[in-house]
Amino acid sequence: MTTLQDLEQRIDRLEKLAEDLIKKVARVNVENFYLSQRVTALEQGYEYPMKTSS
């Protein structure tokens, strides 16, 4: 039988996974925005600086 402590630990792990997923989605959204801006600039004939990895 699952104890209350086991359930609390599972909830904690799921909350951590959800937080990590939110951070990853936010990072991908920023990257997609950057790339869309770069594509738009290139389509208009402008040079758009490459993003440097940090």
PDB file of N, CA and C in Angstrom:
ATOM      1  N   MET A   1       0.839  -1.184   0.000  1.00  0.00           N
ATOM      2  CA  MET A   1       0.000   0.000   0.000  1.00  0.00           C
ATOM      3  C   MET A   1       0.890   1.256   0.000  1.00  0.00           C
ATOM      4  N   THR A   2       0.476   2.227  -0.764  1.00  0.00           N
ATOM      5  CA  THR A   2       1.224   3.475  -0.868  1.00  0.00           C
ATOM      6  C   THR A   2       0.947   4.345   0.353  1.00  0.00           C
ATOM      7  N   THR A   3       2.026   4.819   0.928  1.00  0.00           N
ATOM      8  CA  THR A   3       1.861   5.658   2.116  1.00  0.00           C
ATOM      9  C   THR A   3       1.729   7.125   1.702  1.00  0.00           C
ATOM     10  N   LEU A   4       1.303   7.911   2.641  1.00  0.00           N
ATOM     11  CA  LEU A   4       1.174   9.346   2.411  1.00  0.00           C
ATOM     12  C   LEU A   4       2.525   9.953   2.063  1.00  0.00           C
ATOM     13  N   GLN A   5       3.568   9.498   2.718  1.00  0.00           N
ATOM     14  CA  GLN A   5       4.920  10.010   2.454  1.00  0.00           C
ATOM     15  C   GLN A   5       5.349   9.689   1.013  1.00  0.00           C
ATOM     16  N   ASP A   6       5.038   8.473   0.549  1.00  0.00           N
ATOM     17  CA  ASP A   6       5.353   8.107  -0.839  1.00  0.00           C
ATOM     18  C   ASP A   6       4.624   9.019  -1.821  1.00  0.00           C
ATOM     19  N   LEU A   7       3.384   9.291  -1.553  1.00  0.00           N
ATOM     20  CA  LEU A   7       2.603  10.166  -2.426  1.00  0.00           C
ATOM     21  C   LEU A   7       3.157  11.583  -2.433  1.00  0.00           C
ATOM     22  N   GLU A   8       3.555  12.063  -1.262  1.00  0.00           N
ATOM     23  CA  GLU A   8       4.139  13.402  -1.176  1.00  0.00           C
ATOM     24  C   GLU A   8       5.441  13.480  -1.965  1.00  0.00           C
ATOM     25  N   GLN A   9       6.259  12.415  -1.894  1.00  0.00           N
ATOM     26  CA  GLN A   9       7.509  12.382  -2.650  1.00  0.00           C
ATOM     27  C   GLN A   9       7.229  12.373  -4.155  1.00  0.00           C
ATOM     28  N   ARG A  10       6.231  11.628  -4.573  1.00  0.00           N
ATOM     29  CA  ARG A  10       5.865  11.599  -5.994  1.00  0.00           C
ATOM     30  C   ARG A  10       5.383  12.964  -6.460  1.00  0.00           C
ATOM     31  N   ILE A  11       4.595  13.609  -5.628  1.00  0.00           N
ATOM     32  CA  ILE A  11       4.098  14.958  -5.967  1.00  0.00           C
ATOM     33  C   ILE A  11       5.271  15.921  -6.089  1.00  0.00           C
ATOM     34  N   ASP A  12       6.217  15.842  -5.167  1.00  0.00           N
ATOM     35  CA  ASP A  12       7.399  16.712  -5.223  1.00  0.00           C
ATOM     36  C   ASP A  12       8.176  16.492  -6.514  1.00  0.00           C
ATOM     37  N   ARG A  13       8.356  15.222  -6.900  1.00  0.00           N
ATOM     38  CA  ARG A  13       9.081  14.920  -8.148  1.00  0.00           C
ATOM     39  C   ARG A  13       8.318  15.438  -9.358  1.00  0.00           C
ATOM     40  N   LEU A  14       7.013  15.278  -9.360  1.00  0.00           N
ATOM     41  CA  LEU A  14       6.208  15.774 -10.474  1.00  0.00           C
ATOM     42  C   LEU A  14       6.249  17.297 -10.559  1.00  0.00           C
ATOM     43  N   GLU A  15       6.226  17.966  -9.414  1.00  0.00           N
ATOM     44  CA  GLU A  15       6.332  19.429  -9.410  1.00  0.00           C
ATOM     45  C   GLU A  15       7.672  19.866  -9.971  1.00  0.00           C
ATOM     46  N   LYS A  16       8.748  19.180  -9.608  1.00  0.00           N
ATOM     47  CA  LYS A  16      10.084  19.501 -10.126  1.00  0.00           C
ATOM     48  C   LYS A  16      10.124  19.274 -11.632  1.00  0.00           C
ATOM     49  N   LEU A  17       9.572  18.163 -12.096  1.00  0.00           N
ATOM     50  CA  LEU A  17       9.541  17.890 -13.531  1.00  0.00           C
ATOM     51  C   LEU A  17       8.740  18.957 -14.271  1.00  0.00           C
ATOM     52  N   ALA A  18       7.627  19.388 -13.695  1.00  0.00           N
ATOM     53  CA  ALA A  18       6.803  20.427 -14.316  1.00  0.00           C
ATOM     54  C   ALA A  18       7.569  21.743 -14.396  1.00  0.00           C
ATOM     55  N   GLU A  19       8.275  22.096 -13.339  1.00  0.00           N
ATOM     56  CA  GLU A  19       9.081  23.326 -13.344  1.00  0.00           C
ATOM     57  C   GLU A  19      10.170  23.258 -14.407  1.00  0.00           C
ATOM     58  N   ASP A  20      10.843  22.114 -14.504  1.00  0.00           N
ATOM     59  CA  ASP A  20      11.889  21.945 -15.511  1.00  0.00           C
ATOM     60  C   ASP A  20      11.309  22.044 -16.920  1.00  0.00           C
ATOM     61  N   LEU A  21      10.150  21.459 -17.116  1.00  0.00           N
ATOM     62  CA  LEU A  21       9.502  21.505 -18.421  1.00  0.00           C
ATOM     63  C   LEU A  21       9.112  22.929 -18.793  1.00  0.00           C
ATOM     64  N   ILE A  22       8.594  23.674 -17.839  1.00  0.00           N
ATOM     65  CA  ILE A  22       8.221  25.072 -18.084  1.00  0.00           C
ATOM     66  C   ILE A  22       9.457  25.873 -18.498  1.00  0.00           C
ATOM     67  N   LYS A  23      10.579  25.655 -17.822  1.00  0.00           N
ATOM     68  CA  LYS A  23      11.819  26.364 -18.162  1.00  0.00           C
ATOM     69  C   LYS A  23      12.279  26.008 -19.579  1.00  0.00           C
ATOM     70  N   LYS A  24      12.186  24.733 -19.933  1.00  0.00           N
ATOM     71  CA  LYS A  24      12.605  24.304 -21.269  1.00  0.00           C
ATOM     72  C   LYS A  24      11.697  24.889 -22.343  1.00  0.00           C
ATOM     73  N   VAL A  25      10.404  24.906 -22.093  1.00  0.00           N
ATOM     74  CA  VAL A  25       9.464  25.479 -23.052  1.00  0.00           C
ATOM     75  C   VAL A  25       9.727  26.971 -23.222  1.00  0.00           C
ATOM     76  N   ALA A  26       9.992  27.665 -22.136  1.00  0.00           N
ATOM     77  CA  ALA A  26      10.289  29.093 -22.212  1.00  0.00           C
ATOM     78  C   ALA A  26      11.558  29.329 -23.031  1.00  0.00           C
ATOM     79  N   ARG A  27      12.567  28.506 -22.815  1.00  0.00           N
ATOM     80  CA  ARG A  27      13.826  28.641 -23.557  1.00  0.00           C
ATOM     81  C   ARG A  27      13.590  28.422 -25.053  1.00  0.00           C
ATOM     82  N   VAL A  28      12.792  27.422 -25.399  1.00  0.00           N
ATOM     83  CA  VAL A  28      12.484  27.136 -26.801  1.00  0.00           C
ATOM     84  C   VAL A  28      11.675  28.277 -27.405  1.00  0.00           C
ATOM     85  N   ASN A  29      10.763  28.846 -26.649  1.00  0.00           N
ATOM     86  CA  ASN A  29       9.981  29.980 -27.150  1.00  0.00           C
ATOM     87  C   ASN A  29      10.873  31.166 -27.467  1.00  0.00           C
ATOM     88  N   VAL A  30      11.842  31.445 -26.615  1.00  0.00           N
ATOM     89  CA  VAL A  30      12.781  32.542 -26.860  1.00  0.00           C
ATOM     90  C   VAL A  30      13.587  32.257 -28.121  1.00  0.00           C
ATOM     91  N   GLU A  31      14.066  31.041 -28.253  1.00  0.00           N
ATOM     92  CA  GLU A  31      14.851  30.672 -29.434  1.00  0.00           C
ATOM     93  C   GLU A  31      14.001  30.778 -30.707  1.00  0.00           C
ATOM     94  N   ASN A  32      12.763  30.334 -30.657  1.00  0.00           N
ATOM     95  CA  ASN A  32      11.877  30.444 -31.816  1.00  0.00           C
ATOM     96  C   ASN A  32      11.630  31.897 -32.183  1.00  0.00           C
ATOM     97  N   PHE A  33      11.460  32.758 -31.190  1.00  0.00           N
ATOM     98  CA  PHE A  33      11.268  34.182 -31.463  1.00  0.00           C
ATOM     99  C   PHE A  33      12.507  34.750 -32.143  1.00  0.00           C
ATOM    100  N   TYR A  34      13.670  34.439 -31.604  1.00  0.00           N
ATOM    101  CA  TYR A  34      14.911  34.920 -32.200  1.00  0.00           C
ATOM    102  C   TYR A  34      15.021  34.464 -33.655  1.00  0.00           C
ATOM    103  N   LEU A  35      14.759  33.187 -33.900  1.00  0.00           N
ATOM    104  CA  LEU A  35      14.872  32.667 -35.256  1.00  0.00           C
ATOM    105  C   LEU A  35      13.857  33.308 -36.197  1.00  0.00           C
ATOM    106  N   SER A  36      12.657  33.557 -35.714  1.00  0.00           N
ATOM    107  CA  SER A  36      11.655  34.200 -36.569  1.00  0.00           C
ATOM    108  C   SER A  36      12.078  35.629 -36.915  1.00  0.00           C
ATOM    109  N   GLN A  37      12.700  36.326 -35.966  1.00  0.00           N
ATOM    110  CA  GLN A  37      13.208  37.668 -36.239  1.00  0.00           C
ATOM    111  C   GLN A  37      14.345  37.622 -37.254  1.00  0.00           C
ATOM    112  N   ARG A  38      15.191  36.634 -37.116  1.00  0.00           N
ATOM    113  CA  ARG A  38      16.310  36.473 -38.058  1.00  0.00           C
ATOM    114  C   ARG A  38      15.789  36.184 -39.456  1.00  0.00           C
ATOM    115  N   VAL A  39      14.842  35.288 -39.588  1.00  0.00           N
ATOM    116  CA  VAL A  39      14.269  34.952 -40.898  1.00  0.00           C
ATOM    117  C   VAL A  39      13.635  36.188 -41.525  1.00  0.00           C
ATOM    118  N   THR A  40      12.865  36.930 -40.733  1.00  0.00           N
ATOM    119  CA  THR A  40      12.224  38.141 -41.244  1.00  0.00           C
ATOM    120  C   THR A  40      13.269  39.132 -41.747  1.00  0.00           C
ATOM    121  N   ALA A  41      14.331  39.322 -40.987  1.00  0.00           N
ATOM    122  CA  ALA A  41      15.386  40.251 -41.387  1.00  0.00           C
ATOM    123  C   ALA A  41      16.072  39.776 -42.668  1.00  0.00           C
ATOM    124  N   LEU A  42      16.359  38.487 -42.740  1.00  0.00           N
ATOM    125  CA  LEU A  42      17.017  37.949 -43.935  1.00  0.00           C
ATOM    126  C   LEU A  42      16.109  38.070 -45.157  1.00  0.00           C
ATOM    127  N   GLU A  43      14.817  37.836 -44.970  1.00  0.00           N
ATOM    128  CA  GLU A  43      13.864  37.971 -46.083  1.00  0.00           C
ATOM    129  C   GLU A  43      13.819  39.406 -46.599  1.00  0.00           C
ATOM    130  N   GLN A  44      14.056  40.340 -45.709  1.00  0.00           N
ATOM    131  CA  GLN A  44      14.029  41.754 -46.085  1.00  0.00           C
ATOM    132  C   GLN A  44      15.401  42.242 -46.552  1.00  0.00           C
ATOM    133  N   GLY A  45      16.366  41.350 -46.600  1.00  0.00           N
ATOM    134  CA  GLY A  45      17.682  41.697 -47.113  1.00  0.00           C
ATOM    135  C   GLY A  45      18.654  42.241 -46.092  1.00  0.00           C
ATOM    136  N   TYR A  46      18.323  42.153 -44.831  1.00  0.00           N
ATOM    137  CA  TYR A  46      19.220  42.647 -43.783  1.00  0.00           C
ATOM    138  C   TYR A  46      20.071  41.514 -43.252  1.00  0.00           C
ATOM    139  N   GLU A  47      21.269  41.868 -42.825  1.00  0.00           N
ATOM    140  CA  GLU A  47      22.090  40.899 -42.112  1.00  0.00           C
ATOM    141  C   GLU A  47      21.675  40.942 -40.646  1.00  0.00           C
ATOM    142  N   TYR A  48      21.438  39.799 -40.091  1.00  0.00           N
ATOM    143  CA  TYR A  48      21.049  39.707 -38.694  1.00  0.00           C
ATOM    144  C   TYR A  48      22.148  38.983 -37.976  1.00  0.00           C
ATOM    145  N   PRO A  49      22.705  39.557 -36.910  1.00  0.00           N
ATOM    146  CA  PRO A  49      23.860  38.928 -36.253  1.00  0.00           C
ATOM    147  C   PRO A  49      23.510  37.546 -35.691  1.00  0.00           C
ATOM    148  N   MET A  50      24.451  36.643 -35.819  1.00  0.00           N
ATOM    149  CA  MET A  50      24.250  35.317 -35.248  1.00  0.00           C
ATOM    150  C   MET A  50      24.281  35.423 -33.731  1.00  0.00           C
ATOM    151  N   LYS A  51      23.420  34.685 -33.102  1.00  0.00           N
ATOM    152  CA  LYS A  51      23.382  34.659 -31.639  1.00  0.00           C
ATOM    153  C   LYS A  51      24.560  33.837 -31.151  1.00  0.00           C
ATOM    154  N   THR A  52      25.287  34.368 -30.202  1.00  0.00           N
ATOM    155  CA  THR A  52      26.417  33.631 -29.647  1.00  0.00           C
ATOM    156  C   THR A  52      25.926  32.784 -28.479  1.00  0.00           C
ATOM    157  N   SER A  53      26.427  31.596 -28.408  1.00  0.00           N
ATOM    158  CA  SER A  53      26.031  30.713 -27.306  1.00  0.00           C
ATOM    159  C   SER A  53      26.656  31.206 -26.022  1.00  0.00           C
ATOM    160  N   SER A  54      25.844  31.208 -24.965  1.00  0.00           N
ATOM    161  CA  SER A  54      26.368  31.657 -23.680  1.00  0.00           C
ATOM    162  C   SER A  54      26.274  30.579 -22.649  1.00  0.00           C
TER     163      SER A  54
END
